[in-house]
Amino acid sequence: MRAHELSWLEDDDSFIEQLIRGRGDECRVAFELFDAGHAIRSQKLMLRDTVDDRVDFVDQCDLLVNERDWVEVKGRELTFTGPDDFPFPTAFVGRCSRWEQRSELPVAVVLLSRVTHAKVVVPVRSTRKHWTREHCWDRVTREWEWSYACPKELLCTWETFLVWLDR
């Protein structure tokens, strides 16, 4: 990185752009959950004052479903219609450092295809022991990072997740 280039975390314009894009992904999932009969609450969108304040947001989750289940939403520039045609052997669920700092884990991570608008779900409690740590290049942050990845075989369908939420 050249001296005049900012890292993604320090580049407020890029950070805010991705934050807004992510909020759009959350809204798409929230509307579909609402249409399926679930009560949805979204976190208030707050911006950090400085890059050092990012630790204050480590426990922030995207959606609260039925006043009991926290759900994380990840928009992906991938083409898939469900778990069977998910294009990789593993699905990234997020940076290891963030998951390790959380005091409360979400019940699921919803991966939304920004291409097809299909969704696959990582049920956190039943799959976490099978996650692997993968050193990968993040196309958004333009940095190498350690991320947790869930084996493709453990992904569930959106429909299965909706049934589980009805418990």
Protein backbone atom coordinates (compact mmCIF):
# COMPACT_ATOMS: atom_id res chain seq x y z
CA MET A 1 0.00 0.00 0.00
CA ARG A 2 1.35 3.41 -0.91
CA ALA A 3 1.76 5.99 1.83
CA HIS A 4 -1.15 8.13 0.55
CA GLU A 5 -3.60 5.20 0.43
CA LEU A 6 -5.76 4.55 3.44
CA SER A 7 -6.61 1.09 4.68
CA TRP A 8 -10.26 0.19 4.24
CA LEU A 9 -10.93 0.61 7.96
CA GLU A 10 -9.49 4.13 7.89
CA ASP A 11 -11.20 5.14 4.62
CA ASP A 12 -14.48 6.51 5.96
CA ASP A 13 -16.06 6.92 2.50
CA SER A 14 -15.45 3.27 1.55
CA PHE A 15 -16.49 2.09 4.99
CA ILE A 16 -19.78 4.02 4.88
CA GLU A 17 -20.45 2.85 1.32
CA GLN A 18 -20.15 -0.79 2.42
CA LEU A 19 -22.17 -0.14 5.58
CA ILE A 20 -25.03 1.25 3.49
CA ARG A 21 -24.80 -1.63 1.03
CA GLY A 22 -24.92 -4.09 3.91
CA ARG A 23 -27.97 -2.33 5.34
CA GLY A 24 -29.69 -2.89 2.00
CA ASP A 25 -28.93 -6.62 2.26
CA GLU A 26 -30.34 -6.64 5.79
CA CYS A 27 -33.52 -4.90 4.62
CA ARG A 28 -34.09 -7.45 1.84
CA VAL A 29 -33.80 -10.31 4.34
CA ALA A 30 -35.90 -8.45 6.94
CA PHE A 31 -38.74 -7.88 4.46
CA GLU A 32 -38.77 -11.56 3.50
CA LEU A 33 -38.81 -12.61 7.15
CA PHE A 34 -41.64 -10.15 7.82
CA ASP A 35 -43.58 -11.45 4.81
CA ALA A 36 -43.18 -14.96 6.26
CA GLY A 37 -44.90 -13.78 9.47
CA HIS A 38 -41.95 -13.02 11.72
CA ALA A 39 -41.48 -9.96 13.91
CA ILE A 40 -38.31 -8.12 12.94
CA ARG A 41 -36.24 -5.50 14.70
CA SER A 42 -33.19 -3.94 13.16
CA GLN A 43 -30.34 -2.34 15.05
CA LYS A 44 -30.10 1.42 14.95
CA LEU A 45 -27.47 2.35 12.38
CA MET A 46 -24.66 4.11 14.20
CA LEU A 47 -21.36 5.28 12.78
CA ARG A 48 -18.12 5.11 14.67
CA ASP A 49 -16.38 8.36 15.52
CA THR A 50 -12.94 6.91 14.78
CA VAL A 51 -11.57 3.63 13.48
CA ASP A 52 -10.48 2.78 17.03
CA ASP A 53 -14.15 2.74 18.11
CA ARG A 54 -14.90 -0.34 15.98
CA VAL A 55 -14.49 -2.60 19.04
CA ASP A 56 -17.63 -0.98 20.48
CA PHE A 57 -19.67 -2.61 17.70
CA VAL A 58 -18.37 -6.18 17.96
CA ASP A 59 -21.60 -7.48 19.55
CA GLN A 60 -23.90 -5.64 17.21
CA CYS A 61 -26.00 -8.05 15.17
CA ASP A 62 -28.12 -7.22 12.15
CA LEU A 63 -31.66 -8.45 12.86
CA LEU A 64 -33.60 -9.59 15.90
CA VAL A 65 -36.26 -12.10 14.84
CA ASN A 66 -39.33 -12.76 17.02
CA GLU A 67 -37.69 -10.88 19.92
CA ARG A 68 -35.37 -13.84 20.61
CA ASP A 69 -33.09 -14.79 17.71
CA TRP A 70 -30.20 -12.60 16.54
CA VAL A 71 -29.35 -13.08 12.88
CA GLU A 72 -26.31 -11.85 10.94
CA VAL A 73 -26.75 -11.02 7.23
CA LYS A 74 -23.91 -11.18 4.69
CA GLY A 75 -24.44 -10.01 1.11
CA ARG A 76 -22.26 -11.85 -1.40
CA GLU A 77 -21.45 -11.21 -5.06
CA LEU A 78 -21.98 -14.91 -5.76
CA THR A 79 -24.40 -16.81 -7.96
CA PHE A 80 -26.32 -19.57 -6.17
CA THR A 81 -29.90 -20.69 -5.65
CA GLY A 82 -29.36 -22.80 -2.52
CA PRO A 83 -26.86 -24.96 -0.66
CA ASP A 84 -26.53 -27.48 -3.48
CA ASP A 85 -25.13 -25.00 -6.00
CA PHE A 86 -23.22 -22.81 -3.55
CA PRO A 87 -20.05 -22.17 -5.58
CA PHE A 88 -17.40 -22.96 -2.95
CA PRO A 89 -16.69 -25.87 -0.58
CA THR A 90 -16.97 -23.50 2.39
CA ALA A 91 -19.00 -20.37 3.16
CA PHE A 92 -17.29 -17.47 4.91
CA VAL A 93 -19.17 -16.30 7.99
CA GLY A 94 -16.89 -13.46 9.05
CA ARG A 95 -13.58 -12.38 10.52
CA CYS A 96 -12.25 -14.66 13.22
CA SER A 97 -11.31 -11.71 15.42
CA ARG A 98 -14.89 -10.42 15.51
CA TRP A 99 -16.42 -13.83 16.25
CA GLU A 100 -13.90 -14.43 19.03
CA GLN A 101 -14.67 -11.09 20.70
CA ARG A 102 -18.44 -11.48 20.71
CA SER A 103 -20.15 -12.08 24.04
CA GLU A 104 -23.35 -13.34 22.38
CA LEU A 105 -23.45 -15.23 19.10
CA PRO A 106 -26.20 -14.94 16.50
CA VAL A 107 -28.28 -18.07 15.93
CA ALA A 108 -27.65 -17.91 12.20
CA VAL A 109 -25.75 -16.21 9.42
CA VAL A 110 -27.84 -15.59 6.31
CA LEU A 111 -25.78 -15.44 3.12
CA LEU A 112 -27.64 -13.46 0.47
CA SER A 113 -26.71 -13.71 -3.20
CA ARG A 114 -26.73 -10.19 -4.59
CA VAL A 115 -27.01 -11.79 -8.05
CA THR A 116 -29.98 -14.16 -7.63
CA HIS A 117 -31.33 -12.87 -4.28
CA ALA A 118 -31.34 -16.48 -3.04
CA LYS A 119 -30.31 -17.18 0.52
CA VAL A 120 -28.49 -19.97 2.32
CA VAL A 121 -28.21 -20.14 6.07
CA VAL A 122 -25.41 -21.13 8.44
CA PRO A 123 -27.04 -22.39 11.65
CA VAL A 124 -24.39 -21.26 14.12
CA ARG A 125 -25.00 -23.53 17.12
CA SER A 126 -25.07 -26.78 15.18
CA THR A 127 -22.21 -25.99 12.79
CA ARG A 128 -19.68 -23.89 14.71
CA LYS A 129 -17.63 -26.85 15.89
CA HIS A 130 -17.07 -27.73 12.21
CA TRP A 131 -15.89 -24.29 11.11
CA THR A 132 -12.37 -23.85 9.86
CA ARG A 133 -10.09 -20.84 9.93
CA GLU A 134 -9.11 -19.74 6.43
CA HIS A 135 -6.58 -17.10 5.48
CA CYS A 136 -8.20 -15.28 2.60
CA TRP A 137 -8.06 -12.13 0.52
CA ASP A 138 -10.97 -9.79 1.17
CA ARG A 139 -11.94 -8.05 -2.07
CA VAL A 140 -13.71 -5.25 -0.21
CA THR A 141 -11.04 -4.38 2.36
CA ARG A 142 -8.19 -5.34 0.04
CA GLU A 143 -6.47 -7.09 2.94
CA TRP A 144 -5.56 -10.62 3.96
CA GLU A 145 -7.62 -11.77 6.93
CA TRP A 146 -8.45 -14.86 8.93
CA SER A 147 -12.09 -15.81 8.51
CA TYR A 148 -14.24 -18.60 9.78
CA ALA A 149 -15.73 -20.81 7.11
CA CYS A 150 -18.55 -23.32 7.35
CA PRO A 151 -18.49 -26.46 5.19
CA LYS A 152 -20.98 -26.25 2.33
CA GLU A 153 -22.62 -29.53 3.39
CA LEU A 154 -23.80 -27.87 6.63
CA LEU A 155 -25.60 -24.96 4.97
CA CYS A 156 -29.37 -25.08 5.19
CA THR A 157 -32.04 -23.76 2.90
CA TRP A 158 -33.97 -20.59 3.53
CA GLU A 159 -37.16 -22.66 3.82
CA THR A 160 -35.63 -24.89 6.50
CA PHE A 161 -34.58 -21.79 8.43
CA LEU A 162 -38.09 -20.33 8.26
CA VAL A 163 -39.53 -23.56 9.69
CA TRP A 164 -36.92 -23.51 12.47
CA LEU A 165 -37.89 -19.92 13.34
CA ASP A 166 -41.51 -21.03 13.80
CA ARG A 167 -40.55 -23.25 16.77
